[in-house]
Structure formats: structure tokens, C-alpha cells
N, C-alpha and C. Protein backbone atom coordinates (compact mmCIF):
# COMPACT_ATOMS: atom_id res chain seq x y z
N MET A 1 144.53 69.69 -154.46
CA MET A 1 144.49 69.23 -155.85
C MET A 1 143.27 69.80 -156.57
N ALA A 2 142.09 69.65 -155.97
CA ALA A 2 140.86 70.10 -156.63
C ALA A 2 140.87 71.61 -156.84
N ILE A 3 141.38 72.36 -155.85
CA ILE A 3 141.42 73.81 -155.97
C ILE A 3 142.37 74.23 -157.08
N LYS A 4 143.53 73.57 -157.17
CA LYS A 4 144.49 73.87 -158.23
C LYS A 4 143.89 73.60 -159.60
N LEU A 5 143.19 72.46 -159.73
CA LEU A 5 142.59 72.11 -161.01
C LEU A 5 141.46 73.06 -161.36
N ALA A 6 140.69 73.48 -160.36
CA ALA A 6 139.60 74.43 -160.60
C ALA A 6 140.15 75.75 -161.12
N LYS A 7 141.23 76.24 -160.49
CA LYS A 7 141.84 77.50 -160.94
C LYS A 7 142.40 77.36 -162.34
N LEU A 8 143.01 76.22 -162.62
CA LEU A 8 143.57 75.97 -163.94
C LEU A 8 142.48 76.03 -165.00
N GLN A 9 141.35 75.36 -164.75
CA GLN A 9 140.25 75.36 -165.70
C GLN A 9 139.64 76.75 -165.84
N PHE A 10 139.54 77.48 -164.74
CA PHE A 10 139.00 78.84 -164.78
C PHE A 10 139.87 79.73 -165.66
N ASP A 11 141.19 79.60 -165.50
CA ASP A 11 142.12 80.40 -166.31
C ASP A 11 141.99 80.07 -167.80
N LEU A 12 141.58 78.83 -168.09
CA LEU A 12 141.41 78.42 -169.49
C LEU A 12 140.04 78.80 -170.03
N GLY A 13 139.18 79.35 -169.16
CA GLY A 13 137.85 79.73 -169.58
C GLY A 13 136.87 78.58 -169.58
N ASN A 14 137.21 77.50 -168.86
CA ASN A 14 136.33 76.33 -168.81
C ASN A 14 135.49 76.33 -167.54
N VAL A 15 134.39 75.59 -167.58
CA VAL A 15 133.53 75.42 -166.41
C VAL A 15 134.04 74.23 -165.61
N PHE A 16 134.21 74.41 -164.30
CA PHE A 16 134.70 73.33 -163.44
C PHE A 16 133.77 73.23 -162.23
N TYR A 17 133.07 72.12 -162.11
CA TYR A 17 132.19 71.89 -160.96
C TYR A 17 132.94 71.06 -159.93
N ARG A 18 133.04 71.57 -158.73
CA ARG A 18 133.68 70.83 -157.63
C ARG A 18 132.66 70.70 -156.50
N PHE A 19 132.52 69.49 -155.98
CA PHE A 19 131.57 69.31 -154.88
C PHE A 19 132.10 68.29 -153.90
N SER A 20 131.51 68.31 -152.69
CA SER A 20 131.94 67.43 -151.61
C SER A 20 130.89 66.35 -151.40
N PHE A 21 131.29 65.08 -151.59
CA PHE A 21 130.36 63.97 -151.44
C PHE A 21 129.77 63.92 -150.02
N ARG A 22 128.46 64.13 -149.92
CA ARG A 22 127.78 64.03 -148.62
C ARG A 22 128.52 64.79 -147.54
N TRP A 23 129.14 65.89 -147.93
CA TRP A 23 129.87 66.74 -146.99
C TRP A 23 131.08 66.06 -146.38
N ASN A 24 131.67 65.11 -147.10
CA ASN A 24 132.92 64.50 -146.65
C ASN A 24 134.09 65.38 -147.10
N GLY A 25 135.25 64.77 -147.29
CA GLY A 25 136.39 65.57 -147.73
C GLY A 25 136.83 66.54 -146.67
N LYS A 26 136.92 67.83 -147.00
CA LYS A 26 137.43 68.81 -146.06
C LYS A 26 136.33 69.54 -145.31
N SER A 27 135.11 69.01 -145.32
CA SER A 27 134.02 69.66 -144.61
C SER A 27 134.07 69.27 -143.14
N ASP A 28 133.08 69.72 -142.39
CA ASP A 28 133.08 69.49 -140.95
C ASP A 28 132.57 68.10 -140.56
N LEU A 29 131.87 67.42 -141.47
CA LEU A 29 131.32 66.12 -141.11
C LEU A 29 132.32 65.00 -141.40
N ASP A 30 131.89 63.76 -141.25
CA ASP A 30 132.84 62.66 -141.30
C ASP A 30 132.37 61.55 -142.24
N PHE A 31 132.92 60.36 -142.06
CA PHE A 31 132.61 59.22 -142.91
C PHE A 31 131.31 58.51 -142.51
N SER A 32 130.61 58.99 -141.50
CA SER A 32 129.56 58.20 -140.86
C SER A 32 128.38 57.87 -141.78
N THR A 33 128.16 58.62 -142.83
CA THR A 33 127.04 58.32 -143.75
C THR A 33 127.54 57.89 -145.12
N MET A 34 128.83 57.67 -145.25
CA MET A 34 129.41 57.43 -146.57
C MET A 34 129.28 55.99 -147.01
N THR A 35 128.75 55.78 -148.22
CA THR A 35 128.78 54.50 -148.91
C THR A 35 129.02 54.77 -150.38
N LEU A 36 129.38 53.74 -151.13
CA LEU A 36 129.52 53.94 -152.57
C LEU A 36 128.19 54.30 -153.20
N SER A 37 127.10 53.78 -152.66
CA SER A 37 125.78 54.08 -153.22
C SER A 37 125.40 55.55 -153.03
N THR A 38 125.69 56.11 -151.85
CA THR A 38 125.37 57.52 -151.65
C THR A 38 126.23 58.39 -152.56
N GLN A 39 127.49 58.01 -152.74
CA GLN A 39 128.36 58.79 -153.60
C GLN A 39 127.96 58.65 -155.07
N ALA A 40 127.54 57.44 -155.45
CA ALA A 40 127.06 57.23 -156.82
C ALA A 40 125.84 58.09 -157.09
N GLU A 41 124.96 58.16 -156.10
CA GLU A 41 123.77 59.00 -156.24
C GLU A 41 124.15 60.48 -156.38
N ASP A 42 125.15 60.91 -155.59
CA ASP A 42 125.62 62.29 -155.69
C ASP A 42 126.15 62.60 -157.08
N ILE A 43 126.90 61.67 -157.66
CA ILE A 43 127.45 61.87 -159.00
C ILE A 43 126.32 61.96 -160.02
N LYS A 44 125.35 61.06 -159.92
CA LYS A 44 124.19 61.10 -160.83
C LYS A 44 123.46 62.43 -160.72
N ASN A 45 123.26 62.91 -159.49
CA ASN A 45 122.58 64.19 -159.28
C ASN A 45 123.38 65.35 -159.87
N MET A 46 124.71 65.26 -159.74
CA MET A 46 125.55 66.32 -160.29
C MET A 46 125.48 66.33 -161.82
N VAL A 47 125.50 65.15 -162.44
CA VAL A 47 125.38 65.06 -163.90
C VAL A 47 124.05 65.67 -164.34
N ASP A 48 122.97 65.31 -163.65
CA ASP A 48 121.65 65.85 -163.99
C ASP A 48 121.62 67.37 -163.83
N TYR A 49 122.24 67.86 -162.76
CA TYR A 49 122.26 69.30 -162.50
C TYR A 49 122.99 70.05 -163.61
N ILE A 50 124.16 69.53 -164.00
CA ILE A 50 124.93 70.19 -165.05
C ILE A 50 124.16 70.22 -166.37
N LEU A 51 123.56 69.10 -166.73
CA LEU A 51 122.84 69.02 -168.00
C LEU A 51 121.58 69.89 -168.00
N ASP A 52 120.95 70.03 -166.84
CA ASP A 52 119.71 70.80 -166.75
C ASP A 52 119.93 72.29 -166.56
N ASN A 53 121.13 72.68 -166.10
CA ASN A 53 121.35 74.08 -165.73
C ASN A 53 122.50 74.74 -166.48
N SER A 54 122.90 74.17 -167.59
CA SER A 54 123.95 74.77 -168.40
C SER A 54 123.72 74.39 -169.85
N ASN A 55 124.55 74.96 -170.72
CA ASN A 55 124.46 74.61 -172.14
C ASN A 55 125.46 73.50 -172.50
N LEU A 56 125.98 72.84 -171.48
CA LEU A 56 126.94 71.76 -171.69
C LEU A 56 126.21 70.47 -172.03
N ASP A 57 126.76 69.69 -172.95
CA ASP A 57 126.19 68.39 -173.25
C ASP A 57 127.18 67.25 -173.04
N THR A 58 128.43 67.60 -172.66
CA THR A 58 129.41 66.59 -172.29
C THR A 58 130.14 67.04 -171.02
N ILE A 59 130.65 66.06 -170.29
CA ILE A 59 131.30 66.29 -169.01
C ILE A 59 132.60 65.51 -168.98
N ILE A 60 133.64 66.08 -168.36
CA ILE A 60 134.91 65.38 -168.19
C ILE A 60 135.12 65.12 -166.69
N PRO A 61 134.90 63.91 -166.22
CA PRO A 61 135.13 63.61 -164.80
C PRO A 61 136.63 63.67 -164.46
N VAL A 62 136.95 64.35 -163.37
CA VAL A 62 138.32 64.42 -162.86
C VAL A 62 138.28 63.85 -161.46
N CYS A 63 138.89 62.68 -161.27
CA CYS A 63 138.76 61.95 -160.01
C CYS A 63 140.11 61.77 -159.34
N TYR A 64 140.15 62.12 -158.05
CA TYR A 64 141.35 61.93 -157.25
C TYR A 64 141.07 60.89 -156.16
N SER A 65 141.99 59.97 -155.99
CA SER A 65 141.94 58.97 -154.92
C SER A 65 140.66 58.13 -154.97
N MET A 66 139.93 58.04 -153.85
CA MET A 66 138.81 57.11 -153.79
C MET A 66 137.61 57.53 -154.63
N TRP A 67 137.63 58.76 -155.13
CA TRP A 67 136.49 59.18 -155.97
C TRP A 67 136.50 58.42 -157.29
N ALA A 68 137.61 57.75 -157.61
CA ALA A 68 137.61 56.85 -158.77
C ALA A 68 136.65 55.69 -158.52
N SER A 69 136.66 55.15 -157.29
CA SER A 69 135.70 54.10 -156.92
C SER A 69 134.27 54.62 -157.01
N SER A 70 134.07 55.85 -156.56
CA SER A 70 132.73 56.44 -156.58
C SER A 70 132.21 56.58 -158.00
N LEU A 71 133.07 57.01 -158.91
CA LEU A 71 132.65 57.16 -160.30
C LEU A 71 132.30 55.81 -160.92
N LEU A 72 133.13 54.80 -160.66
CA LEU A 72 132.84 53.47 -161.20
C LEU A 72 131.52 52.93 -160.65
N ALA A 73 131.27 53.17 -159.36
CA ALA A 73 130.00 52.74 -158.77
C ALA A 73 128.83 53.46 -159.42
N ALA A 74 129.00 54.75 -159.70
CA ALA A 74 127.93 55.52 -160.35
C ALA A 74 127.64 54.99 -161.75
N ILE A 75 128.69 54.64 -162.48
CA ILE A 75 128.51 54.13 -163.84
C ILE A 75 127.86 52.75 -163.82
N GLN A 76 128.18 51.95 -162.81
CA GLN A 76 127.53 50.64 -162.70
C GLN A 76 126.06 50.80 -162.31
N LYS A 77 125.77 51.72 -161.40
CA LYS A 77 124.40 51.90 -160.91
C LYS A 77 123.54 52.67 -161.89
N TYR A 78 124.16 53.65 -162.56
CA TYR A 78 123.42 54.49 -163.52
C TYR A 78 124.16 54.48 -164.86
N PRO A 79 124.14 53.37 -165.58
CA PRO A 79 124.94 53.26 -166.81
C PRO A 79 124.60 54.30 -167.87
N GLU A 80 123.41 54.90 -167.78
CA GLU A 80 123.02 55.88 -168.79
C GLU A 80 123.85 57.17 -168.73
N ILE A 81 124.56 57.42 -167.61
CA ILE A 81 125.33 58.66 -167.51
C ILE A 81 126.64 58.61 -168.29
N GLU A 82 127.12 57.40 -168.59
CA GLU A 82 128.44 57.28 -169.24
C GLU A 82 128.47 57.94 -170.60
N LYS A 83 127.34 58.02 -171.28
CA LYS A 83 127.30 58.62 -172.62
C LYS A 83 127.59 60.11 -172.60
N TYR A 84 127.46 60.74 -171.43
CA TYR A 84 127.71 62.17 -171.32
C TYR A 84 129.17 62.49 -171.00
N PHE A 85 129.97 61.46 -170.72
CA PHE A 85 131.37 61.67 -170.36
C PHE A 85 132.23 61.68 -171.61
N GLU A 86 133.01 62.73 -171.77
CA GLU A 86 133.86 62.89 -172.96
C GLU A 86 135.15 62.10 -172.83
N LYS A 87 135.76 62.17 -171.65
CA LYS A 87 136.98 61.42 -171.34
C LYS A 87 137.13 61.43 -169.82
N TYR A 88 138.16 60.72 -169.33
CA TYR A 88 138.35 60.59 -167.89
C TYR A 88 139.77 61.00 -167.49
N PHE A 89 139.86 61.69 -166.36
CA PHE A 89 141.15 61.95 -165.73
C PHE A 89 141.12 61.31 -164.34
N PHE A 90 142.11 60.46 -164.06
CA PHE A 90 142.23 59.83 -162.75
C PHE A 90 143.62 60.15 -162.18
N PHE A 91 143.63 60.73 -160.97
CA PHE A 91 144.89 61.08 -160.33
C PHE A 91 145.01 60.33 -159.00
N ALA A 92 146.11 59.55 -158.87
CA ALA A 92 146.32 58.68 -157.70
C ALA A 92 145.05 57.91 -157.38
N PRO A 93 144.48 57.24 -158.38
CA PRO A 93 143.14 56.65 -158.19
C PRO A 93 143.12 55.42 -157.30
N SER A 94 142.09 55.36 -156.47
CA SER A 94 141.78 54.14 -155.73
C SER A 94 140.56 53.54 -156.43
N PHE A 95 140.81 52.72 -157.45
CA PHE A 95 139.71 52.18 -158.24
C PHE A 95 138.84 51.20 -157.45
N ASP A 96 139.41 50.60 -156.41
CA ASP A 96 138.64 49.71 -155.55
C ASP A 96 138.99 50.02 -154.11
N PHE A 97 138.31 51.03 -153.55
CA PHE A 97 138.63 51.54 -152.22
C PHE A 97 138.53 50.45 -151.16
N LEU A 98 137.48 49.62 -151.23
CA LEU A 98 137.29 48.58 -150.21
C LEU A 98 138.41 47.56 -150.25
N GLU A 99 138.77 47.10 -151.45
CA GLU A 99 139.83 46.11 -151.57
C GLU A 99 141.15 46.66 -151.06
N ASN A 100 141.41 47.92 -151.37
CA ASN A 100 142.64 48.56 -150.89
C ASN A 100 142.64 48.66 -149.37
N ARG A 101 141.46 48.96 -148.80
CA ARG A 101 141.36 49.06 -147.35
C ARG A 101 141.57 47.69 -146.69
N LYS A 102 141.02 46.64 -147.29
CA LYS A 102 141.17 45.29 -146.75
C LYS A 102 142.64 44.89 -146.70
N LYS A 103 143.39 45.24 -147.73
CA LYS A 103 144.80 44.86 -147.80
C LYS A 103 145.63 45.54 -146.73
N LYS A 104 145.14 46.65 -146.19
CA LYS A 104 145.86 47.37 -145.15
C LYS A 104 145.57 46.82 -143.75
N MET A 105 144.62 45.89 -143.66
CA MET A 105 144.21 45.38 -142.36
C MET A 105 144.88 44.06 -142.02
N TRP A 106 145.24 43.91 -140.77
CA TRP A 106 145.88 42.69 -140.34
C TRP A 106 144.83 41.59 -140.09
N ASP A 107 145.30 40.37 -139.82
CA ASP A 107 144.41 39.23 -139.60
C ASP A 107 143.42 39.53 -138.48
N GLY A 108 142.15 39.26 -138.75
CA GLY A 108 141.11 39.46 -137.75
C GLY A 108 140.52 40.84 -137.72
N ARG A 109 141.14 41.79 -138.42
CA ARG A 109 140.67 43.18 -138.36
C ARG A 109 139.30 43.33 -139.03
N MET A 110 139.06 42.62 -140.13
CA MET A 110 137.77 42.69 -140.79
C MET A 110 136.67 42.17 -139.88
N GLN A 111 136.95 41.08 -139.16
CA GLN A 111 135.96 40.53 -138.23
C GLN A 111 135.70 41.51 -137.10
N GLU A 112 136.75 42.16 -136.63
CA GLU A 112 136.61 43.17 -135.58
C GLU A 112 135.75 44.33 -136.08
N TRP A 113 135.98 44.71 -137.34
CA TRP A 113 135.20 45.79 -137.95
C TRP A 113 133.71 45.42 -137.95
N LYS A 114 133.42 44.18 -138.32
CA LYS A 114 132.03 43.73 -138.39
C LYS A 114 131.40 43.67 -137.00
N GLU A 115 132.14 43.16 -136.03
CA GLU A 115 131.59 43.01 -134.69
C GLU A 115 131.38 44.36 -134.01
N ASN A 116 132.32 45.28 -134.20
CA ASN A 116 132.22 46.60 -133.57
C ASN A 116 131.37 47.58 -134.37
N TRP A 117 131.05 47.17 -135.61
CA TRP A 117 130.22 47.95 -136.52
C TRP A 117 130.92 49.19 -137.09
N TYR A 118 132.13 49.46 -136.68
CA TYR A 118 132.90 50.54 -137.29
C TYR A 118 134.38 50.25 -137.11
N VAL A 119 135.20 50.92 -137.90
CA VAL A 119 136.64 50.83 -137.74
C VAL A 119 137.21 52.24 -137.87
N GLU A 120 138.25 52.51 -137.12
CA GLU A 120 138.88 53.82 -137.21
C GLU A 120 139.89 53.81 -138.35
N VAL A 121 139.74 54.74 -139.27
CA VAL A 121 140.62 54.84 -140.43
C VAL A 121 141.08 56.28 -140.57
N LYS A 122 142.18 56.45 -141.26
CA LYS A 122 142.68 57.80 -141.50
C LYS A 122 142.01 58.38 -142.72
N ASN A 123 141.40 59.54 -142.54
CA ASN A 123 140.85 60.29 -143.67
C ASN A 123 142.02 61.07 -144.26
N ASP A 124 142.57 60.56 -145.36
CA ASP A 124 143.79 61.15 -145.91
C ASP A 124 143.58 62.57 -146.41
N ALA A 125 142.35 62.91 -146.80
CA ALA A 125 142.08 64.26 -147.26
C ALA A 125 142.16 65.26 -146.12
N ARG A 126 141.75 64.83 -144.91
CA ARG A 126 141.72 65.73 -143.76
C ARG A 126 142.87 65.50 -142.80
N GLY A 127 143.53 64.35 -142.93
CA GLY A 127 144.65 64.05 -142.06
C GLY A 127 144.24 63.73 -140.64
N ILE A 128 143.03 63.20 -140.46
CA ILE A 128 142.55 62.85 -139.13
C ILE A 128 142.00 61.42 -139.15
N ILE A 129 141.80 60.86 -137.93
CA ILE A 129 141.23 59.52 -137.79
C ILE A 129 139.71 59.65 -137.64
N GLU A 130 138.98 58.87 -138.43
CA GLU A 130 137.52 58.91 -138.38
C GLU A 130 136.97 57.49 -138.31
N LYS A 131 135.71 57.38 -137.97
CA LYS A 131 135.04 56.08 -137.87
C LYS A 131 134.32 55.77 -139.17
N LEU A 132 134.68 54.63 -139.79
CA LEU A 132 134.03 54.18 -141.01
C LEU A 132 133.11 53.01 -140.66
N PRO A 133 131.79 53.18 -140.81
CA PRO A 133 130.84 52.11 -140.42
C PRO A 133 130.98 50.87 -141.29
N TYR A 134 130.58 49.72 -140.73
CA TYR A 134 130.67 48.47 -141.48
C TYR A 134 129.67 48.43 -142.62
N PHE A 135 128.60 49.20 -142.56
CA PHE A 135 127.64 49.17 -143.66
C PHE A 135 128.27 49.69 -144.95
N PHE A 136 129.41 50.38 -144.85
CA PHE A 136 130.15 50.75 -146.07
C PHE A 136 130.61 49.48 -146.79
N VAL A 137 131.09 48.50 -146.02
CA VAL A 137 131.55 47.23 -146.59
C VAL A 137 130.38 46.50 -147.26
N GLU A 138 129.27 46.38 -146.52
CA GLU A 138 128.11 45.67 -147.05
C GLU A 138 127.61 46.30 -148.35
N ASP A 139 127.64 47.61 -148.41
CA ASP A 139 127.21 48.31 -149.62
C ASP A 139 128.21 48.12 -150.75
N ALA A 140 129.50 48.27 -150.44
CA ALA A 140 130.54 48.19 -151.48
C ALA A 140 130.59 46.80 -152.11
N GLU A 141 130.26 45.77 -151.34
CA GLU A 141 130.31 44.41 -151.86
C GLU A 141 129.22 44.15 -152.90
N GLU A 142 128.28 45.07 -153.04
CA GLU A 142 127.24 44.95 -154.06
C GLU A 142 127.73 45.37 -155.44
N TYR A 143 128.93 45.96 -155.49
CA TYR A 143 129.45 46.49 -156.76
C TYR A 143 130.59 45.63 -157.29
N ASP A 144 130.67 45.55 -158.60
CA ASP A 144 131.80 44.91 -159.28
C ASP A 144 132.54 46.03 -160.02
N LEU A 145 133.48 46.66 -159.33
CA LEU A 145 134.13 47.84 -159.88
C LEU A 145 135.07 47.51 -161.04
N LYS A 146 135.61 46.30 -161.05
CA LYS A 146 136.45 45.90 -162.18
C LYS A 146 135.61 45.77 -163.44
N LYS A 147 134.42 45.24 -163.29
CA LYS A 147 133.51 45.12 -164.43
C LYS A 147 133.10 46.51 -164.92
N ALA A 148 132.86 47.42 -163.98
CA ALA A 148 132.51 48.79 -164.36
C ALA A 148 133.66 49.46 -165.09
N PHE A 149 134.89 49.21 -164.63
CA PHE A 149 136.07 49.79 -165.28
C PHE A 149 136.19 49.27 -166.71
N GLU A 150 135.98 47.97 -166.89
CA GLU A 150 136.07 47.37 -168.22
C GLU A 150 135.02 47.94 -169.17
N SER A 151 133.92 48.43 -168.62
CA SER A 151 132.82 48.92 -169.46
C SER A 151 133.07 50.33 -170.00
N LEU A 152 134.06 51.05 -169.46
CA LEU A 152 134.31 52.42 -169.90
C LEU A 152 134.72 52.45 -171.37
N LYS A 153 134.20 53.43 -172.08
CA LYS A 153 134.42 53.47 -173.53
C LYS A 153 135.12 54.73 -174.00
N LYS A 154 135.40 55.66 -173.10
CA LYS A 154 135.98 56.94 -173.50
C LYS A 154 137.48 57.00 -173.16
N PRO A 155 138.23 57.91 -173.82
CA PRO A 155 139.67 58.04 -173.54
C PRO A 155 139.94 58.28 -172.05
N MET A 156 141.07 57.76 -171.61
CA MET A 156 141.39 57.81 -170.19
C MET A 156 142.84 58.22 -169.96
N THR A 157 143.05 59.13 -169.01
CA THR A 157 144.39 59.53 -168.60
C THR A 157 144.55 59.29 -167.11
N ILE A 158 145.66 58.66 -166.72
CA ILE A 158 145.92 58.34 -165.32
C ILE A 158 147.31 58.85 -164.95
N VAL A 159 147.41 59.51 -163.80
CA VAL A 159 148.70 59.89 -163.23
C VAL A 159 148.76 59.30 -161.83
N HIS A 160 149.81 58.51 -161.56
CA HIS A 160 149.93 57.86 -160.25
C HIS A 160 151.40 57.86 -159.82
N GLY A 161 151.61 58.12 -158.53
CA GLY A 161 152.97 58.15 -158.00
C GLY A 161 153.47 56.77 -157.61
N ASN A 162 154.72 56.46 -157.97
CA ASN A 162 155.27 55.15 -157.62
C ASN A 162 155.74 55.08 -156.17
N GLU A 163 155.58 56.18 -155.42
CA GLU A 163 155.91 56.20 -154.00
C GLU A 163 154.64 56.31 -153.15
N ASP A 164 153.50 56.09 -153.76
CA ASP A 164 152.21 56.21 -153.08
C ASP A 164 152.04 55.10 -152.05
N ASP A 165 151.96 55.46 -150.76
CA ASP A 165 151.78 54.46 -149.71
C ASP A 165 150.34 54.41 -149.21
N VAL A 166 149.46 55.20 -149.82
CA VAL A 166 148.03 55.18 -149.49
C VAL A 166 147.29 54.26 -150.45
N VAL A 167 147.51 54.47 -151.74
CA VAL A 167 146.95 53.60 -152.79
C VAL A 167 148.13 53.12 -153.64
N PRO A 168 148.66 51.94 -153.39
CA PRO A 168 149.82 51.45 -154.14
C PRO A 168 149.58 51.45 -155.64
N ILE A 169 150.59 51.86 -156.39
CA ILE A 169 150.45 51.95 -157.83
C ILE A 169 150.17 50.59 -158.46
N GLU A 170 150.54 49.51 -157.78
CA GLU A 170 150.27 48.17 -158.31
C GLU A 170 148.77 47.94 -158.51
N ALA A 171 147.96 48.53 -157.64
CA ALA A 171 146.51 48.38 -157.78
C ALA A 171 146.02 49.03 -159.07
N THR A 172 146.61 50.16 -159.42
CA THR A 172 146.24 50.83 -160.67
C THR A 172 146.69 50.01 -161.87
N ARG A 173 147.90 49.47 -161.79
CA ARG A 173 148.38 48.63 -162.90
C ARG A 173 147.46 47.42 -163.10
N ASP A 174 146.94 46.88 -162.00
CA ASP A 174 146.04 45.73 -162.08
C ASP A 174 144.77 46.09 -162.84
N PHE A 175 144.22 47.26 -162.56
CA PHE A 175 143.02 47.69 -163.27
C PHE A 175 143.31 48.00 -164.73
N ILE A 176 144.45 48.64 -164.99
CA ILE A 176 144.81 48.97 -166.37
C ILE A 176 144.89 47.72 -167.23
N SER A 177 145.35 46.62 -166.64
CA SER A 177 145.49 45.38 -167.41
C SER A 177 144.15 44.83 -167.88
N LEU A 178 143.06 45.30 -167.28
CA LEU A 178 141.72 44.83 -167.65
C LEU A 178 141.16 45.55 -168.86
N TRP A 179 141.71 46.73 -169.14
CA TRP A 179 141.08 47.58 -170.15
C TRP A 179 141.60 47.23 -171.53
N LYS A 180 140.70 47.14 -172.51
CA LYS A 180 141.07 46.70 -173.86
C LYS A 180 141.55 47.85 -174.75
N TRP A 181 141.38 49.10 -174.29
CA TRP A 181 141.76 50.25 -175.11
C TRP A 181 143.06 50.85 -174.58
N GLU A 182 143.62 51.75 -175.33
CA GLU A 182 144.87 52.40 -174.93
C GLU A 182 144.60 53.40 -173.81
N ILE A 183 145.47 53.43 -172.83
CA ILE A 183 145.37 54.35 -171.71
C ILE A 183 146.59 55.25 -171.67
N ASP A 184 146.37 56.53 -171.46
CA ASP A 184 147.46 57.49 -171.32
C ASP A 184 147.89 57.46 -169.85
N PHE A 185 148.86 56.59 -169.55
CA PHE A 185 149.26 56.33 -168.17
C PHE A 185 150.62 56.97 -167.88
N HIS A 186 150.67 57.75 -166.80
CA HIS A 186 151.90 58.45 -166.41
C HIS A 186 152.28 58.05 -164.99
N GLU A 187 153.43 57.45 -164.84
CA GLU A 187 153.97 57.07 -163.54
C GLU A 187 155.00 58.12 -163.14
N VAL A 188 154.80 58.75 -161.97
CA VAL A 188 155.69 59.83 -161.54
C VAL A 188 156.34 59.45 -160.21
N ASN A 189 157.47 60.07 -159.93
CA ASN A 189 158.19 59.83 -158.68
C ASN A 189 157.59 60.71 -157.59
N ASP A 190 156.52 60.22 -156.99
CA ASP A 190 155.80 61.04 -156.01
C ASP A 190 154.93 60.13 -155.16
N GLY A 191 154.34 60.73 -154.10
CA GLY A 191 153.44 60.02 -153.22
C GLY A 191 151.99 60.24 -153.61
N HIS A 192 151.10 60.03 -152.64
CA HIS A 192 149.67 60.04 -152.93
C HIS A 192 149.14 61.42 -153.29
N LYS A 193 149.67 62.47 -152.69
CA LYS A 193 149.13 63.81 -152.91
C LYS A 193 149.63 64.46 -154.20
N LEU A 194 150.58 63.81 -154.87
CA LEU A 194 151.10 64.29 -156.16
C LEU A 194 151.55 65.75 -156.09
N VAL A 195 152.29 66.05 -155.04
CA VAL A 195 152.84 67.41 -154.89
C VAL A 195 153.92 67.64 -155.94
N LYS A 196 154.90 66.71 -155.98
CA LYS A 196 155.96 66.84 -156.99
C LYS A 196 155.43 66.52 -158.38
N GLY A 197 154.41 65.70 -158.44
CA GLY A 197 153.88 65.28 -159.73
C GLY A 197 152.83 66.21 -160.31
N TYR A 198 152.58 67.35 -159.63
CA TYR A 198 151.52 68.23 -160.13
C TYR A 198 151.86 68.80 -161.50
N ARG A 199 153.12 68.95 -161.79
CA ARG A 199 153.51 69.45 -163.11
C ARG A 199 152.98 68.51 -164.21
N LYS A 200 153.07 67.19 -163.97
CA LYS A 200 152.56 66.23 -164.94
C LYS A 200 151.03 66.29 -164.98
N VAL A 201 150.39 66.46 -163.81
CA VAL A 201 148.94 66.60 -163.77
C VAL A 201 148.51 67.78 -164.63
N LYS A 202 149.16 68.92 -164.43
CA LYS A 202 148.84 70.11 -165.19
C LYS A 202 149.07 69.89 -166.68
N GLU A 203 150.15 69.21 -167.01
CA GLU A 203 150.49 68.95 -168.40
C GLU A 203 149.41 68.12 -169.10
N VAL A 204 148.94 67.06 -168.44
CA VAL A 204 147.95 66.20 -169.11
C VAL A 204 146.60 66.89 -169.21
N VAL A 205 146.25 67.72 -168.22
CA VAL A 205 144.98 68.44 -168.27
C VAL A 205 145.00 69.46 -169.40
N LEU A 206 146.16 70.08 -169.60
CA LEU A 206 146.29 71.08 -170.67
C LEU A 206 146.52 70.44 -172.04
N GLY A 207 146.63 69.13 -172.07
CA GLY A 207 146.83 68.46 -173.35
C GLY A 207 148.22 68.61 -173.88
N GLY A 208 149.22 68.64 -172.98
CA GLY A 208 150.61 68.73 -173.40
C GLY A 208 151.19 70.13 -173.35
N GLU A 209 150.32 71.13 -173.07
CA GLU A 209 150.82 72.49 -172.96
C GLU A 209 151.47 72.69 -171.60
N ASN A 210 152.34 73.68 -171.49
CA ASN A 210 152.99 73.99 -170.21
C ASN A 210 152.49 75.32 -169.67
């Protein structure tokens, strides 16, 4: 997804910054150092880098899956960065990664996670099982991501598949109901990776062009 969007922006003559949070995603490392706070710090550092090293004065965040949670955490922790955001694109967003993860766990699993200090989860970006430490939970519980979502003031576009079994679309509808402004929301017949729905993703990024 990110590579396709980067190429699309390059073809349009736009600047597109893509980075890997603490070397997660498709890099060689794993979830072992990941928290919302570390990701929020990464986003803040990226905003500072762009503003200090380019002639850009506005940024358009493009978030896929759990990076929606990361952006909301960054805005809650560093509210001053929101003024630099022109609008938001969210694709198959997991606006509350921890809550979504909790709903996937059976009775007693959270206690097991706490006692063992880690839980094995599927890294959907890499398609492998990794260990997610319990300190991710302790850190995430410090954030009110719904409150952060409500605080957003810029135009927002969301594309989510109604066949998504990783982040159910109902979770996105729940967040949308909190927002007082109009949202450009597109529900597509697709799963989490938006393979079939990429045409709609491309359409909204191009502003309706094909």
C-alpha cells in the first residue's frame, strides 16, 4: 500500500515521506520495542524533520491500519503538530489498536498476557507471529484515542473494507460517530489489505481523478 501511494504521489510531482516506526513493519526487527509513545515520538520527529528540511509548511498524513492509532497518540501527546496537517487519509484504520486487540482475545488471555509479560500476535504487515510485550498495554492505556479523534479539525477521508477481519469496519463506524464534522467515508467490498479497493484509494488520493 505505502509503495503504491508513494509512486502515485511521485508521478503527481508531490513529496511523499515514508518511514518505518522503530524499524517495525517490513524491516528485520519486531514488535519488542513498540509502544504508542515511541510511535508518537517518531511522528513528532518526522514532522519536525519535514518542516526543518524542506520548503513545506503543511503535511497530509496517510495512515494505514494501526498507524491511525499512532497518529492519534501523537496528536494527543504533541497537540502542537496538528496545525501543520492539511487533511487526513485513513485506509483500513485501526483507530484504537489496543481495544481491537482485546476484542480478539478469549477469556483470561489478557491476564495471561500480563503474567507472561508478552503475547504472540500476528504481524499482519509481515504475515508472521511476533511477541508483543505487555508494556505496550500499560503505555496504550495512558491515551484517550477517542478524545484525540474528536479533537481533529481538518478534512478527513476514510476507506475501509466491509470484509476486513483484522480491523472490523464497525470499529471505524464507532469512531466516525464521535466526529462533529463531515467525513468522506468510503465502504468497499474488500478485506484489510484493500487489494480490490485500491482503485477507490487511488481515486480519493487523486481527488476524484482516475
